C-alpha atoms as a PDB file:
ATOM      1  CA  THR A   1       1.796 -19.729  -7.544  1.00  0.00           C
ATOM      2  CA  ALA A   2      -0.525 -19.237  -4.512  1.00  0.00           C
ATOM      3  CA  PRO A   3      -2.640 -15.803  -4.271  1.00  0.00           C
ATOM      4  CA  PRO A   4      -1.622 -13.402  -1.587  1.00  0.00           C
ATOM      5  CA  LEU A   5      -3.058 -13.356   1.807  1.00  0.00           C
ATOM      6  CA  VAL A   6      -6.756 -12.879   1.634  1.00  0.00           C
ATOM      7  CA  ARG A   7      -8.244 -10.859   4.409  1.00  0.00           C
ATOM      8  CA  GLY A   8     -11.240 -12.342   6.126  1.00  0.00           C
ATOM      9  CA  GLN A   9     -14.808 -10.700   6.350  1.00  0.00           C
ATOM     10  CA  ALA A  10     -15.320 -11.014  10.049  1.00  0.00           C
ATOM     11  CA  ALA A  11     -18.544  -9.186  11.393  1.00  0.00           C
ATOM     12  CA  GLY A  12     -16.557  -6.419  12.981  1.00  0.00           C
ATOM     13  CA  ASP A  13     -14.340  -5.802  10.175  1.00  0.00           C
ATOM     14  CA  ALA A  14     -16.760  -4.276   7.590  1.00  0.00           C
ATOM     15  CA  GLY A  15     -15.611  -0.786   7.692  1.00  0.00           C
ATOM     16  CA  LEU A  16     -15.233   1.863   4.971  1.00  0.00           C
ATOM     17  CA  LEU A  17     -11.396   1.961   6.180  1.00  0.00           C
ATOM     18  CA  SER A  18     -10.849  -1.455   6.996  1.00  0.00           C
ATOM     19  CA  PRO A  19      -9.180  -2.260   3.672  1.00  0.00           C
ATOM     20  CA  TRP A  20      -6.880   0.570   4.037  1.00  0.00           C
ATOM     21  CA  LYS A  21      -5.877  -0.310   7.386  1.00  0.00           C
ATOM     22  CA  HIS A  22      -5.263  -3.850   6.387  1.00  0.00           C
ATOM     23  CA  ASP A  23      -3.077  -2.512   3.514  1.00  0.00           C
ATOM     24  CA  LEU A  24      -0.937  -0.299   5.721  1.00  0.00           C
ATOM     25  CA  ALA A  25      -0.410  -2.872   8.499  1.00  0.00           C
ATOM     26  CA  TYR A  26       0.590  -5.529   5.745  1.00  0.00           C
ATOM     27  CA  LEU A  27       2.880  -3.115   4.145  1.00  0.00           C
ATOM     28  CA  SER A  28       4.293  -1.989   7.429  1.00  0.00           C
ATOM     29  CA  GLY A  29       4.760  -5.717   8.600  1.00  0.00           C
ATOM     30  CA  ASN A  30       6.523  -6.573   4.906  1.00  0.00           C
ATOM     31  CA  LEU A  31       9.042  -3.476   5.553  1.00  0.00           C
ATOM     32  CA  GLN A  32       9.851  -4.452   9.030  1.00  0.00           C
ATOM     33  CA  ALA A  33      10.903  -7.897   7.840  1.00  0.00           C
ATOM     34  CA  GLY A  34      13.325  -6.422   5.611  1.00  0.00           C
ATOM     35  CA  LEU A  35      14.491  -7.936   2.220  1.00  0.00           C
ATOM     36  CA  PRO A  36      12.181 -11.146   2.613  1.00  0.00           C
ATOM     37  CA  GLY A  37       9.291  -8.579   3.293  1.00  0.00           C
ATOM     38  CA  LEU A  38      10.109  -6.367   0.290  1.00  0.00           C
ATOM     39  CA  GLU A  39      10.371  -9.469  -1.729  1.00  0.00           C
ATOM     40  CA  ARG A  40       6.680 -10.676  -0.528  1.00  0.00           C
ATOM     41  CA  GLU A  41       5.468  -7.055  -1.293  1.00  0.00           C
ATOM     42  CA  ILE A  42       6.745  -7.385  -4.921  1.00  0.00           C
ATOM     43  CA  HIS A  43       5.376 -10.958  -5.332  1.00  0.00           C
ATOM     44  CA  ASP A  44       1.842 -10.095  -4.287  1.00  0.00           C
ATOM     45  CA  THR A  45       1.992  -7.028  -6.553  1.00  0.00           C
ATOM     46  CA  ILE A  46       2.969  -9.078  -9.556  1.00  0.00           C
ATOM     47  CA  TRP A  47       0.107 -11.513  -8.798  1.00  0.00           C
ATOM     48  CA  LYS A  48      -2.214  -8.780  -8.422  1.00  0.00           C
ATOM     49  CA  VAL A  49      -1.296  -7.419 -11.799  1.00  0.00           C
ATOM     50  CA  GLU A  50      -1.509 -10.905 -13.508  1.00  0.00           C
ATOM     51  CA  HIS A  51      -4.867 -11.830 -11.973  1.00  0.00           C
ATOM     52  CA  LEU A  52      -6.877  -8.587 -12.393  1.00  0.00           C
ATOM     53  CA  ASP A  53     -10.014 -10.847 -12.661  1.00  0.00           C
ATOM     54  CA  HIS A  54      -9.776 -12.067  -9.380  1.00  0.00           C
ATOM     55  CA  ARG A  55     -12.091 -10.297  -6.966  1.00  0.00           C
ATOM     56  CA  GLY A  56     -10.253  -7.445  -5.027  1.00  0.00           C
ATOM     57  CA  ALA A  57      -7.035  -7.666  -7.194  1.00  0.00           C
ATOM     58  CA  ALA A  58      -7.734  -4.243  -9.102  1.00  0.00           C
ATOM     59  CA  SER A  59      -8.930  -2.332  -6.021  1.00  0.00           C
ATOM     60  CA  ASP A  60      -5.873  -3.559  -4.003  1.00  0.00           C
ATOM     61  CA  LEU A  61      -3.597  -2.258  -6.899  1.00  0.00           C
ATOM     62  CA  LEU A  62      -5.238   1.224  -7.001  1.00  0.00           C
ATOM     63  CA  ARG A  63      -5.176   1.579  -3.042  1.00  0.00           C
ATOM     64  CA  GLY A  64      -1.285   0.651  -3.225  1.00  0.00           C
ATOM     65  CA  LEU A  65      -1.072   3.435  -5.992  1.00  0.00           C
ATOM     66  CA  ILE A  66      -2.789   5.953  -3.750  1.00  0.00           C
ATOM     67  CA  ILE A  67      -0.751   5.154  -0.839  1.00  0.00           C
ATOM     68  CA  VAL A  68       2.577   5.298  -2.943  1.00  0.00           C
ATOM     69  CA  ALA A  69       1.372   8.614  -4.196  1.00  0.00           C
ATOM     70  CA  VAL A  70       0.460  10.058  -0.862  1.00  0.00           C
ATOM     71  CA  VAL A  71       3.811   9.066   0.594  1.00  0.00           C
ATOM     72  CA  TYR A  72       5.638  10.531  -2.370  1.00  0.00           C
ATOM     73  CA  PHE A  73       3.828  14.018  -2.010  1.00  0.00           C
ATOM     74  CA  CYS A  74       4.422  13.785   1.682  1.00  0.00           C
ATOM     75  CA  VAL A  75       8.324  13.037   1.396  1.00  0.00           C
ATOM     76  CA  GLY A  76       8.806  15.656  -1.455  1.00  0.00           C
ATOM     77  CA  SER A  77       6.886  18.407   0.398  1.00  0.00           C
ATOM     78  CA  ALA A  78       8.780  17.681   3.657  1.00  0.00           C
ATOM     79  CA  TYR A  79      12.172  17.630   1.754  1.00  0.00           C
ATOM     80  CA  LYS A  80      11.370  20.975  -0.125  1.00  0.00           C
ATOM     81  CA  HIS A  81      10.297  22.710   3.140  1.00  0.00           C
ATOM     82  CA  HIS A  82      13.414  21.463   4.779  1.00  0.00           C
ATOM     83  CA  ALA A  83      16.040  22.064   2.075  1.00  0.00           C
ATOM     84  CA  LEU A  84      14.601  24.976   0.371  1.00  0.00           C
ATOM     85  CA  GLY A  85      12.256  26.532   2.850  1.00  0.00           C
ATOM     86  CA  ALA A  86       9.226  26.581   0.800  1.00  0.00           C
ATOM     87  CA  GLN A  87       6.002  27.031   2.071  1.00  0.00           C
ATOM     88  CA  GLY A  88       2.511  26.924   0.393  1.00  0.00           C
ATOM     89  CA  LEU A  89       2.714  26.998  -3.221  1.00  0.00           C
ATOM     90  CA  ASP A  90       6.411  27.614  -3.515  1.00  0.00           C
END
């Protein structure tokens, strides 16, 4: 199978946050595409796991894991505040 889309390294795209921006834009595009987008996201993740020796695959997986963790904690915090009225360390 072909590798997932590889981001180009244009001259103006060499910032510290550019990989994060790319990952979030790619994820939001896949989510907007519905089921085919989710299939593409799963396929890309499986490809990255199977090809950890390729440049950038491990860092892409780590960024994805961090994004999932942040979303998990934000949604959980919002739920706990709304449903239970919890604030701070509650």
